[in-house]
Amino acid sequence: MAYNMRYINKSVFIEALQFDGRNLPEIEEFIEYSNVVSATIINNVLYLIAQTHDKAEVQRITLMPNDFLIKDASGWITPLEPDILNKGWIPFNYQK
């Protein structure tokens, strides 16, 4: 017999850094310098090539001003538009 089930997402904590069109040093530090292969800003758009957290693959990321880079607990980096970030996550402030 099949049951009708409902599911809810597990709480996942992420770190996020917003790109403002000029803050490349902060982006590189967020990703960790050793993982950045190439980073160029042209007309306030960031074109970034970085190794994945496990160094198994290369990610190609384009960020427009106000877009976010998010990093999950395993170190995986993902670009996200502000409206998508605000729909899926609630700000949580903490100090390292």
Protein backbone atom coordinates (compact mmCIF):
# COMPACT_ATOMS: atom_id res chain seq x y z
CA MET A 1 0.00 0.00 0.00
CA ALA A 2 1.34 3.43 -0.94
CA TYR A 3 1.14 6.27 1.55
CA ASN A 4 0.74 9.95 0.77
CA MET A 5 3.76 11.55 2.45
CA ARG A 6 4.77 15.17 3.09
CA TYR A 7 8.36 16.35 3.34
CA ILE A 8 10.09 19.43 4.68
CA ASN A 9 13.64 20.61 3.97
CA LYS A 10 16.26 20.09 6.61
CA SER A 11 17.73 23.29 8.02
CA VAL A 12 20.95 24.06 6.19
CA PHE A 13 23.28 26.84 7.27
CA ILE A 14 25.17 28.69 4.57
CA GLU A 15 27.56 31.60 4.39
CA ALA A 16 26.79 34.29 1.83
CA LEU A 17 28.75 37.20 0.38
CA GLN A 18 27.16 39.80 -1.87
CA PHE A 19 29.05 41.02 -4.94
CA ASP A 20 28.87 44.80 -5.33
CA GLY A 21 30.67 45.11 -8.66
CA ARG A 22 34.03 45.94 -7.04
CA ASN A 23 34.71 43.63 -4.08
CA LEU A 24 36.85 41.03 -5.84
CA PRO A 25 39.36 40.69 -2.94
CA GLU A 26 36.53 39.75 -0.56
CA ILE A 27 35.13 37.25 -3.09
CA GLU A 28 38.56 35.65 -3.52
CA GLU A 29 38.99 35.38 0.24
CA PHE A 30 35.49 33.92 0.62
CA ILE A 31 36.25 31.22 -1.96
CA GLU A 32 39.77 30.77 -0.58
CA TYR A 33 42.54 32.15 -2.75
CA SER A 34 43.99 28.73 -3.53
CA ASN A 35 40.76 27.71 -5.31
CA VAL A 36 40.57 30.77 -7.59
CA VAL A 37 41.88 29.95 -11.06
CA SER A 38 40.84 33.20 -12.77
CA ALA A 39 38.77 36.23 -11.79
CA THR A 40 38.00 39.24 -13.98
CA ILE A 41 35.57 42.13 -13.56
CA ILE A 42 34.33 43.69 -16.81
CA ASN A 43 31.66 46.42 -16.62
CA ASN A 44 30.92 45.45 -12.99
CA VAL A 45 30.28 41.81 -13.94
CA LEU A 46 32.51 39.18 -12.32
CA TYR A 47 33.69 36.25 -14.42
CA LEU A 48 35.17 33.68 -12.10
CA ILE A 49 36.78 30.29 -12.59
CA ALA A 50 37.40 28.35 -9.40
CA GLN A 51 38.16 24.81 -8.37
CA THR A 52 35.45 23.03 -6.44
CA HIS A 53 35.99 22.50 -2.72
CA ASP A 54 37.32 18.99 -3.33
CA LYS A 55 39.45 20.21 -6.28
CA ALA A 56 37.83 17.57 -8.51
CA GLU A 57 36.16 20.01 -10.91
CA VAL A 58 36.31 23.59 -12.14
CA GLN A 59 33.33 25.92 -11.70
CA ARG A 60 32.60 28.81 -14.07
CA ILE A 61 30.62 31.49 -12.27
CA THR A 62 29.23 34.82 -13.49
CA LEU A 63 28.06 37.33 -10.90
CA MET A 64 26.13 40.50 -11.58
CA PRO A 65 26.19 43.33 -9.02
CA ASN A 66 24.03 42.42 -5.99
CA ASP A 67 24.23 38.67 -6.69
CA PHE A 68 25.43 36.45 -3.86
CA LEU A 69 27.94 33.66 -3.59
CA ILE A 70 26.82 31.10 -1.05
CA LYS A 71 28.97 28.45 0.59
CA ASP A 72 27.46 25.44 2.34
CA ALA A 73 28.95 23.48 5.24
CA SER A 74 30.91 21.24 2.87
CA GLY A 75 32.48 24.25 1.13
CA TRP A 76 30.46 24.05 -2.10
CA ILE A 77 30.13 27.50 -3.77
CA THR A 78 26.98 28.50 -5.66
CA PRO A 79 25.96 31.85 -7.23
CA LEU A 80 22.49 33.08 -6.31
CA GLU A 81 20.34 36.07 -7.17
CA PRO A 82 19.15 38.12 -4.17
CA ASP A 83 15.45 37.29 -4.60
CA ILE A 84 16.16 33.54 -4.69
CA LEU A 85 18.37 33.82 -1.59
CA ASN A 86 15.65 35.73 0.26
CA LYS A 87 13.00 33.14 -0.67
CA GLY A 88 15.01 30.19 0.61
CA TRP A 89 17.03 31.46 3.56
CA ILE A 90 16.56 33.62 6.61
CA PRO A 91 19.52 35.82 7.71
CA PHE A 92 21.34 34.42 10.71
CA ASN A 93 24.13 36.53 12.18
CA TYR A 94 27.02 34.97 14.01
CA GLN A 95 30.65 35.73 14.67
CA LYS A 96 33.49 33.45 13.74
